[in-house]
Amino acid sequence: MDGLVDVGSANFVLIARVIAITDVKLACLQAQMAEARLKGQLLDLTCGRPARSALVTDGNCLILSSLRPKTLAARLEQRMLSQVVLEL
């Protein structure tokens, strides 16, 4: 499951480190974003655009993206499926 996925604005994230993709409008995520910002664990990859989704990594980092969660999930799924085909 190695590889990178495009999270928008020519930014890439290692697939193996992503454990969740969520909408930034969730109330529970707002508190986590504030905490991650204070701890230096928030990575804003929106390039000035409005944040629409957050990726949670296995290292407790939050990565903000300007893409919708559904778009990111589809890209992640497509990338994972192409890797499975290559392994066969």
C-alpha atoms as a PDB file:
ATOM      1  CA  MET A   1       0.000   0.000   0.000  1.00  0.00           C
ATOM      2  CA  ASP A   2       2.924   2.331  -0.678  1.00  0.00           C
ATOM      3  CA  GLY A   3       2.455   5.401  -2.789  1.00  0.00           C
ATOM      4  CA  LEU A   4       1.249   8.953  -2.799  1.00  0.00           C
ATOM      5  CA  VAL A   5      -2.170  10.483  -3.317  1.00  0.00           C
ATOM      6  CA  ASP A   6      -2.791  14.002  -4.631  1.00  0.00           C
ATOM      7  CA  VAL A   7      -4.625  16.066  -1.993  1.00  0.00           C
ATOM      8  CA  GLY A   8      -4.883  19.131  -4.228  1.00  0.00           C
ATOM      9  CA  SER A   9      -2.720  22.074  -5.236  1.00  0.00           C
ATOM     10  CA  ALA A  10       0.128  19.741  -6.297  1.00  0.00           C
ATOM     11  CA  ASN A  11       0.488  18.379  -2.742  1.00  0.00           C
ATOM     12  CA  PHE A  12       0.821  14.678  -2.034  1.00  0.00           C
ATOM     13  CA  VAL A  13       0.378  12.513   1.067  1.00  0.00           C
ATOM     14  CA  LEU A  14       1.662   9.012   1.722  1.00  0.00           C
ATOM     15  CA  ILE A  15      -1.319   6.643   1.418  1.00  0.00           C
ATOM     16  CA  ALA A  16      -0.108   4.298   4.149  1.00  0.00           C
ATOM     17  CA  ARG A  17      -0.244   7.079   6.765  1.00  0.00           C
ATOM     18  CA  VAL A  18      -3.887   8.156   6.172  1.00  0.00           C
ATOM     19  CA  ILE A  19      -6.386   6.624   8.590  1.00  0.00           C
ATOM     20  CA  ALA A  20      -9.404   8.921   8.079  1.00  0.00           C
ATOM     21  CA  ILE A  21     -10.817  11.604   5.796  1.00  0.00           C
ATOM     22  CA  THR A  22     -13.441  13.926   7.233  1.00  0.00           C
ATOM     23  CA  ASP A  23     -15.291  17.173   6.602  1.00  0.00           C
ATOM     24  CA  VAL A  24     -13.784  20.192   8.397  1.00  0.00           C
ATOM     25  CA  LYS A  25     -17.262  21.471   9.298  1.00  0.00           C
ATOM     26  CA  LEU A  26     -17.756  18.781  11.956  1.00  0.00           C
ATOM     27  CA  ALA A  27     -17.903  20.341  15.424  1.00  0.00           C
ATOM     28  CA  CYS A  28     -15.692  17.677  16.998  1.00  0.00           C
ATOM     29  CA  LEU A  29     -13.023  18.272  14.354  1.00  0.00           C
ATOM     30  CA  GLN A  30     -12.946  22.019  15.050  1.00  0.00           C
ATOM     31  CA  ALA A  31     -11.624  21.359  18.565  1.00  0.00           C
ATOM     32  CA  GLN A  32      -9.090  18.835  17.251  1.00  0.00           C
ATOM     33  CA  MET A  33      -7.889  21.341  14.650  1.00  0.00           C
ATOM     34  CA  ALA A  34      -7.335  24.010  17.297  1.00  0.00           C
ATOM     35  CA  GLU A  35      -5.428  21.530  19.467  1.00  0.00           C
ATOM     36  CA  ALA A  36      -3.346  20.282  16.528  1.00  0.00           C
ATOM     37  CA  ARG A  37      -2.510  23.881  15.567  1.00  0.00           C
ATOM     38  CA  LEU A  38      -1.213  24.564  19.103  1.00  0.00           C
ATOM     39  CA  LYS A  39       0.864  21.359  19.094  1.00  0.00           C
ATOM     40  CA  GLY A  40       2.286  22.024  15.630  1.00  0.00           C
ATOM     41  CA  GLN A  41       0.504  18.985  14.198  1.00  0.00           C
ATOM     42  CA  LEU A  42      -1.707  20.820  11.688  1.00  0.00           C
ATOM     43  CA  LEU A  43      -0.529  20.904   8.090  1.00  0.00           C
ATOM     44  CA  ASP A  44      -2.490  23.298   5.863  1.00  0.00           C
ATOM     45  CA  LEU A  45      -2.161  22.212   2.209  1.00  0.00           C
ATOM     46  CA  THR A  46      -4.991  24.393   0.901  1.00  0.00           C
ATOM     47  CA  CYS A  47      -2.744  27.063  -0.685  1.00  0.00           C
ATOM     48  CA  GLY A  48      -5.073  29.819   0.509  1.00  0.00           C
ATOM     49  CA  ARG A  49      -8.280  28.141  -0.589  1.00  0.00           C
ATOM     50  CA  PRO A  50     -11.036  27.277   1.887  1.00  0.00           C
ATOM     51  CA  ALA A  51     -10.400  23.999   3.721  1.00  0.00           C
ATOM     52  CA  ARG A  52     -13.057  21.411   2.914  1.00  0.00           C
ATOM     53  CA  SER A  53     -11.566  18.234   4.319  1.00  0.00           C
ATOM     54  CA  ALA A  54      -9.053  16.981   6.840  1.00  0.00           C
ATOM     55  CA  LEU A  55      -6.949  13.859   6.629  1.00  0.00           C
ATOM     56  CA  VAL A  56      -6.028  12.215   9.911  1.00  0.00           C
ATOM     57  CA  THR A  57      -2.699  10.384   9.902  1.00  0.00           C
ATOM     58  CA  ASP A  58      -1.414   7.555  12.059  1.00  0.00           C
ATOM     59  CA  GLY A  59       1.032  10.040  13.614  1.00  0.00           C
ATOM     60  CA  ASN A  60      -1.850  12.177  15.005  1.00  0.00           C
ATOM     61  CA  CYS A  61      -1.363  14.929  12.408  1.00  0.00           C
ATOM     62  CA  LEU A  62      -4.226  16.722  10.696  1.00  0.00           C
ATOM     63  CA  ILE A  63      -3.737  17.645   7.052  1.00  0.00           C
ATOM     64  CA  LEU A  64      -6.132  20.215   5.599  1.00  0.00           C
ATOM     65  CA  SER A  65      -7.126  20.029   1.937  1.00  0.00           C
ATOM     66  CA  SER A  66      -9.271  22.229  -0.276  1.00  0.00           C
ATOM     67  CA  LEU A  67     -10.804  19.134  -1.901  1.00  0.00           C
ATOM     68  CA  ARG A  68     -14.055  17.598  -0.712  1.00  0.00           C
ATOM     69  CA  PRO A  69     -13.824  14.416   1.387  1.00  0.00           C
ATOM     70  CA  LYS A  70     -15.638  12.442  -1.320  1.00  0.00           C
ATOM     71  CA  THR A  71     -13.081  13.523  -3.941  1.00  0.00           C
ATOM     72  CA  LEU A  72     -10.162  12.562  -1.703  1.00  0.00           C
ATOM     73  CA  ALA A  73     -11.739   9.209  -0.873  1.00  0.00           C
ATOM     74  CA  ALA A  74     -12.244   8.462  -4.577  1.00  0.00           C
ATOM     75  CA  ARG A  75      -8.621   9.362  -5.364  1.00  0.00           C
ATOM     76  CA  LEU A  76      -7.379   7.229  -2.490  1.00  0.00           C
ATOM     77  CA  GLU A  77      -9.535   4.284  -3.531  1.00  0.00           C
ATOM     78  CA  GLN A  78      -8.478   4.568  -7.182  1.00  0.00           C
ATOM     79  CA  ARG A  79      -4.797   4.695  -6.199  1.00  0.00           C
ATOM     80  CA  MET A  80      -5.149   1.694  -3.879  1.00  0.00           C
ATOM     81  CA  LEU A  81      -6.977  -0.342  -6.533  1.00  0.00           C
ATOM     82  CA  SER A  82      -4.325   0.420  -9.149  1.00  0.00           C
ATOM     83  CA  GLN A  83      -1.643  -0.788  -6.732  1.00  0.00           C
ATOM     84  CA  VAL A  84      -3.513  -4.045  -6.119  1.00  0.00           C
ATOM     85  CA  VAL A  85      -3.719  -4.642  -9.883  1.00  0.00           C
ATOM     86  CA  LEU A  86       0.004  -3.994 -10.236  1.00  0.00           C
ATOM     87  CA  GLU A  87       0.762  -6.508  -7.472  1.00  0.00           C
ATOM     88  CA  LEU A  88      -1.147  -9.239  -9.307  1.00  0.00           C
END
